[in-house]
Protein backbone atom coordinates (compact mmCIF):
# COMPACT_ATOMS: atom_id res chain seq x y z
CA UNK A 1 -24.92 -23.97 -34.52
CA UNK A 2 -28.49 -25.01 -33.98
CA UNK A 3 -30.80 -22.23 -32.95
CA UNK A 4 -33.05 -24.15 -30.59
CA UNK A 5 -34.62 -22.92 -27.36
CA UNK A 6 -32.34 -24.91 -25.04
CA UNK A 7 -29.22 -23.36 -26.60
CA UNK A 8 -30.64 -19.87 -26.25
CA UNK A 9 -31.55 -20.46 -22.60
CA UNK A 10 -28.07 -21.85 -21.93
CA UNK A 11 -26.33 -18.80 -23.37
CA UNK A 12 -28.66 -16.39 -21.57
CA UNK A 13 -27.91 -18.21 -18.32
CA UNK A 14 -24.18 -17.96 -18.99
CA UNK A 15 -24.51 -14.23 -19.74
CA UNK A 16 -26.35 -13.48 -16.52
CA UNK A 17 -23.98 -15.68 -14.50
CA UNK A 18 -21.12 -13.62 -15.93
CA UNK A 19 -22.83 -10.42 -14.76
CA UNK A 20 -23.22 -11.83 -11.24
CA UNK A 21 -19.66 -13.17 -11.04
CA UNK A 22 -18.09 -9.99 -12.40
CA UNK A 23 -20.19 -7.85 -10.06
CA UNK A 24 -18.88 -9.80 -7.11
CA UNK A 25 -15.32 -9.81 -8.39
CA UNK A 26 -15.01 -6.12 -9.31
CA UNK A 27 -16.42 -4.81 -6.01
CA UNK A 28 -15.56 -2.28 -4.47
CA UNK A 29 -14.99 0.65 -6.80
CA UNK A 30 -12.70 2.53 -4.43
CA UNK A 31 -9.93 -0.06 -4.91
CA UNK A 32 -9.56 1.33 -8.44
CA UNK A 33 -9.00 4.89 -7.23
CA UNK A 34 -7.21 4.64 -3.88
CA UNK A 35 -4.38 5.41 -3.21
CA UNK A 36 -3.84 6.29 -6.90
CA UNK A 37 -5.77 5.43 -10.01
CA UNK A 38 -5.20 1.75 -10.72
CA UNK A 39 -5.32 1.46 -14.52
CA UNK A 40 -5.63 -2.34 -14.87
CA UNK A 41 -8.67 -2.80 -12.57
CA UNK A 42 -10.32 0.27 -14.11
CA UNK A 43 -9.78 -1.01 -17.66
CA UNK A 44 -11.03 -4.46 -16.69
CA UNK A 45 -14.17 -2.92 -15.20
CA UNK A 46 -14.85 -0.82 -18.30
CA UNK A 47 -14.08 -3.63 -20.74
CA UNK A 48 -15.96 -6.41 -18.92
CA UNK A 49 -19.21 -4.55 -18.42
CA UNK A 50 -18.94 -2.81 -21.80
CA UNK A 51 -18.62 -6.17 -23.54
CA UNK A 52 -21.53 -7.57 -21.55
CA UNK A 53 -23.69 -4.61 -22.58
CA UNK A 54 -22.64 -5.15 -26.17
CA UNK A 55 -23.53 -8.84 -25.93
CA UNK A 56 -26.93 -7.95 -24.53
CA UNK A 57 -27.58 -5.85 -27.63
CA UNK A 58 -26.72 -8.82 -29.83
CA UNK A 59 -28.88 -11.22 -27.84
CA UNK A 60 -31.93 -9.11 -27.02
CA UNK A 61 -31.84 -6.56 -29.81
CA UNK A 62 -32.72 -2.89 -29.34
CA UNK A 63 -35.60 -1.64 -27.25
CA UNK A 64 -35.17 -3.59 -24.01
CA UNK A 65 -33.37 -0.96 -21.95
CA UNK A 66 -35.65 -1.18 -18.93
CA UNK A 67 -35.45 -4.98 -18.90
CA UNK A 68 -31.64 -4.84 -19.13
CA UNK A 69 -31.48 -2.21 -16.36
CA UNK A 70 -33.58 -4.33 -14.00
CA UNK A 71 -31.82 -7.62 -14.82
CA UNK A 72 -28.34 -6.14 -14.41
CA UNK A 73 -29.38 -4.66 -11.08
CA UNK A 74 -30.79 -7.99 -9.84
CA UNK A 75 -27.81 -10.07 -10.93
CA UNK A 76 -25.34 -7.49 -9.60
CA UNK A 77 -27.10 -7.72 -6.24
CA UNK A 78 -26.79 -11.52 -6.39
CA UNK A 79 -23.08 -11.20 -7.18
CA UNK A 80 -22.57 -8.84 -4.25
CA UNK A 81 -24.50 -11.19 -1.98
CA UNK A 82 -22.22 -14.04 -3.03
CA UNK A 83 -19.17 -11.87 -2.44
CA UNK A 84 -20.47 -10.91 0.99
CA UNK A 85 -21.07 -14.53 1.98
CA UNK A 86 -17.60 -15.58 0.80
CA UNK A 87 -15.67 -12.46 1.86
CA UNK A 88 -12.89 -12.54 4.36
CA UNK A 89 -13.37 -8.84 5.06
CA UNK A 90 -17.08 -7.99 5.27
CA UNK A 91 -16.08 -4.49 6.43
CA UNK A 92 -15.78 -3.33 2.81
CA UNK A 93 -19.56 -3.58 2.44
CA UNK A 94 -20.63 -0.13 3.54
CA UNK A 95 -23.96 1.30 2.46
CA UNK A 96 -22.29 3.99 0.33
CA UNK A 97 -19.95 1.59 -1.47
CA UNK A 98 -22.74 -0.87 -2.28
CA UNK A 99 -25.12 1.81 -3.56
CA UNK A 100 -22.51 3.59 -5.69
CA UNK A 101 -21.33 0.27 -7.10
CA UNK A 102 -24.84 -0.92 -8.02
CA UNK A 103 -25.71 2.41 -9.63
CA UNK A 104 -22.43 2.53 -11.57
CA UNK A 105 -22.62 -1.05 -12.85
CA UNK A 106 -26.30 -0.82 -13.76
CA UNK A 107 -26.05 2.50 -15.58
CA UNK A 108 -22.77 1.70 -17.36
CA UNK A 109 -24.02 -1.66 -18.65
CA UNK A 110 -27.30 -0.12 -19.80
CA UNK A 111 -25.42 2.69 -21.56
CA UNK A 112 -23.18 0.10 -23.21
CA UNK A 113 -26.30 -1.81 -24.28
CA UNK A 114 -27.78 1.29 -25.90
CA UNK A 115 -24.71 3.02 -27.25
CA UNK A 116 -21.79 0.77 -28.21
CA UNK A 117 -22.98 -1.57 -30.99
CA UNK A 118 -25.19 0.15 -33.53
CA UNK A 119 -24.83 -2.34 -36.37
């Protein structure tokens, strides 16, 4: 594959669109734990954002943790905004659920960026 600037921008755009779409799709976190632990949604959450953090390591390389943290936060907020605008039940968007979700997604993806792929 050619390694030109347009291709790189395209794949970066696709990566950040995936973060926004998954952030909107996986919200809220309490659906994974109530009434019992739901294994499939929990595994999907861990795998999706873990793979995205791993991809960010491959694309950006090491040393961009703060940039990744900020970008994941911004695109997760955009995903939640899209989910809110398209939601049939806007009552799930409480302050606590939004804050805990944004903190969890941002920290987990940044940890995956730093920790999972070393070589």
